Protein backbone atom coordinates (compact mmCIF):
# COMPACT_ATOMS: atom_id res chain seq x y z
CA MET A 1 128.30 105.58 113.77
CA THR A 2 129.75 102.41 114.85
CA GLY A 3 133.41 101.72 115.20
CA PRO A 4 135.34 98.23 115.41
CA GLY A 5 133.81 96.15 118.25
CA ARG A 6 130.73 98.16 118.48
CA GLN A 7 127.45 96.65 117.54
CA ARG A 8 124.96 98.55 115.40
CA PRO A 9 121.78 99.84 116.91
CA LEU A 10 118.62 97.60 116.58
CA LEU A 11 115.58 98.78 114.95
CA PHE A 12 112.52 97.18 116.46
CA LEU A 13 109.82 97.29 113.87
CA ASP A 14 106.01 96.89 114.16
CA VAL A 15 103.99 95.73 111.16
CA ASP A 16 100.37 96.97 111.72
CA GLY A 17 100.47 100.84 111.64
CA PRO A 18 104.07 101.50 110.60
CA LEU A 19 104.03 99.26 107.45
CA ILE A 20 100.35 98.40 107.14
CA PRO A 21 98.37 101.70 107.43
CA PHE A 22 94.95 101.62 108.87
CA GLY A 23 92.34 103.73 110.51
CA ALA A 24 92.06 106.56 107.96
CA THR A 25 88.69 108.36 107.39
CA PRO A 26 87.21 108.34 103.91
CA GLN A 27 88.00 111.94 103.64
CA GLN A 28 91.76 111.19 103.93
CA TYR A 29 91.70 108.38 101.29
CA PRO A 30 88.25 108.77 99.27
CA ASP A 31 89.51 106.00 96.90
CA GLY A 32 90.70 103.74 99.68
CA TYR A 33 94.24 103.04 100.78
CA PRO A 34 96.91 102.94 97.91
CA THR A 35 97.89 99.48 96.93
CA TYR A 36 101.20 97.98 95.77
CA HIS A 37 102.49 95.00 93.96
CA SER A 38 105.59 93.26 95.04
CA GLY A 39 108.10 90.84 93.70
CA SER A 40 106.64 88.23 95.98
CA GLY A 41 103.69 87.98 93.74
CA PRO A 42 99.91 88.48 93.66
CA ARG A 43 99.29 85.16 95.54
CA ALA A 44 100.86 86.69 98.72
CA ALA A 45 98.38 89.71 98.56
CA ALA A 46 95.62 87.25 97.88
CA ALA A 47 96.45 85.18 101.05
CA ASN A 48 96.62 88.46 103.13
CA PRO A 49 95.09 91.40 101.20
CA LEU A 50 96.59 93.82 103.79
CA LEU A 51 100.11 93.15 102.48
CA ALA A 52 99.06 95.23 99.36
CA ARG A 53 99.03 98.29 101.54
CA ILE A 54 102.73 97.74 102.34
CA ASP A 55 105.00 99.85 100.06
CA PRO A 56 107.71 97.51 98.85
CA ALA A 57 109.97 100.44 98.52
CA HIS A 58 110.12 100.57 102.24
CA GLY A 59 112.18 97.25 102.11
CA PRO A 60 115.38 98.88 100.41
CA ARG A 61 114.98 101.93 102.62
CA LEU A 62 114.92 99.97 105.77
CA ALA A 63 117.81 97.80 104.63
CA THR A 64 119.98 100.77 104.12
CA LEU A 65 119.60 102.19 107.47
CA ALA A 66 122.66 101.76 109.73
CA CYS A 67 121.00 99.37 112.25
CA GLU A 68 119.80 95.74 112.70
CA LEU A 69 116.23 95.27 111.86
CA VAL A 70 114.32 93.07 114.38
CA TRP A 71 110.48 92.27 114.05
CA ALA A 72 108.63 93.59 117.03
CA THR A 73 105.13 92.64 116.12
CA THR A 74 102.31 90.36 116.90
CA TRP A 75 102.79 88.90 113.61
CA MET A 76 105.81 87.03 115.09
CA ASP A 77 107.28 84.39 112.69
CA ASP A 78 104.48 85.45 110.10
CA ALA A 79 106.42 88.66 109.56
CA ASN A 80 109.28 86.67 108.08
CA GLU A 81 107.00 84.48 106.02
CA CYS A 82 104.65 87.07 104.45
CA VAL A 83 106.10 90.49 105.14
CA ALA A 84 109.82 90.21 104.67
CA PRO A 85 109.44 88.62 101.26
CA TRP A 86 107.09 91.42 100.15
CA LEU A 87 109.59 93.99 101.09
CA GLY A 88 112.54 91.91 99.68
CA LEU A 89 114.01 91.56 103.13
CA PRO A 90 115.85 88.51 104.53
CA ASP A 91 114.47 86.58 107.54
CA LEU A 92 114.89 88.96 110.54
CA PRO A 93 115.16 88.10 114.26
CA VAL A 94 111.74 88.13 116.01
CA VAL A 95 110.98 89.43 119.49
CA LEU A 96 109.06 86.70 121.31
CA TRP A 97 106.41 88.19 123.71
CA PRO A 98 105.84 87.26 127.27
CA GLU A 99 102.31 87.21 128.77
CA GLU A 100 101.10 90.80 129.35
CA SER A 101 101.17 91.84 133.09
CA ASP A 102 98.45 93.63 135.04
CA GLU A 103 101.01 96.11 136.34
CA GLU A 104 102.05 97.34 132.95
CA GLU A 105 98.21 97.81 132.03
CA ARG A 106 97.70 99.91 135.17
CA SER A 107 100.77 102.01 134.78
CA GLY A 108 100.04 102.89 131.12
CA LEU A 109 103.24 101.15 130.06
CA HIS A 110 102.93 99.50 126.76
CA TRP A 111 103.20 95.63 127.03
CA LYS A 112 106.04 95.67 124.43
CA THR A 113 108.27 98.19 126.29
CA ARG A 114 109.86 95.87 128.96
CA PRO A 115 110.62 93.10 126.61
CA LEU A 116 112.30 95.41 124.18
CA VAL A 117 114.49 96.86 126.64
CA ASP A 118 115.24 93.37 127.86
CA TRP A 119 116.15 92.24 124.28
CA ALA A 120 118.26 95.29 123.75
CA ALA A 121 120.25 94.41 126.88
CA GLY A 122 121.88 97.86 126.98
CA ARG A 123 122.44 98.14 123.18
CA SER A 124 121.24 101.45 121.42
CA PHE A 125 117.90 100.86 119.71
CA LEU A 126 114.95 102.60 117.79
CA TRP A 127 111.52 101.29 118.29
CA VAL A 128 109.10 102.05 115.41
CA ASP A 129 105.44 101.64 116.42
CA ASP A 130 102.05 103.31 116.21
CA GLU A 131 101.42 102.83 119.90
CA VAL A 132 104.56 104.55 121.59
CA THR A 133 103.54 106.92 124.27
CA ASP A 134 105.39 109.39 126.61
CA THR A 135 104.96 106.95 129.33
CA ASP A 136 106.92 104.33 127.44
CA ARG A 137 109.83 106.93 126.59
CA ALA A 138 110.12 107.98 130.26
CA TRP A 139 110.36 104.32 131.40
CA VAL A 140 112.99 103.60 128.82
CA ALA A 141 114.87 106.63 129.72
CA THR A 142 114.94 105.54 133.28
CA HIS A 143 115.61 101.82 132.67
CA HIS A 144 117.84 101.54 129.59
CA ARG A 145 121.46 102.40 129.86
CA GLY A 146 121.88 102.79 126.01
CA ARG A 147 120.77 105.33 123.66
CA ALA A 148 116.95 104.85 122.54
CA LEU A 149 114.56 106.43 120.03
CA LEU A 150 110.93 105.52 120.60
CA HIS A 151 109.43 106.77 117.26
CA ARG A 152 105.58 106.89 116.84
CA VAL A 153 104.27 106.48 113.24
CA ASP A 154 100.93 107.77 112.45
CA PRO A 155 98.88 104.45 111.76
CA CYS A 156 96.67 106.30 109.05
CA HIS A 157 99.55 106.80 106.92
CA GLY A 158 102.29 104.39 107.89
CA LEU A 159 106.02 105.11 107.42
CA THR A 160 106.56 108.32 105.42
CA ASP A 161 109.65 110.22 104.22
CA VAL A 162 109.46 112.26 107.44
CA ASP A 163 109.86 108.98 109.44
CA PHE A 164 112.62 107.67 107.58
CA ALA A 165 114.41 111.08 107.75
CA ALA A 166 113.92 111.05 111.74
CA LEU A 167 115.30 107.52 111.85
CA ALA A 168 118.47 108.41 109.71
CA GLU A 169 119.12 111.40 111.61
CA TRP A 170 119.09 109.56 115.02
CA LEU A 171 121.34 106.90 113.60
CA ARG A 172 123.77 109.44 112.35
CA ALA A 173 124.00 111.14 115.88
CA PRO A 174 127.09 110.07 117.90
């Protein structure tokens, strides 16, 4: 909950995995991944067929969370051009990524972790990604002075009701 003068938490959102599921076995989805239609029209899906895997109902659910949405994806500005309209979201801020360092690779720290903590600058945040690890959680706990939830989404299924419940519960906590 936020009061006067307090900023809402940030929600850093990845696209591949959380919004576009991938990697499931034929046994998990014998008929292939479910596909959806969006108000942004069939031309968007024709330009990038993976967009049809994104459930457009995620847009309103994300928009009602008590946080500020930020793209944290290698899609960069394409997330605003392609994904946001599919979800019915406005243009969102986009994290710009620095070059990956060898130190992060050797330590097992995800290359997004430091830039996200820098972007948050002490502000509470959630990070929704399919590549979050315990190494990232430990590093954030040590180097970030605000509250943080690093929430790993199963890339085979993408965001589910269970994920949305976990995000909403964390946002309700003082």
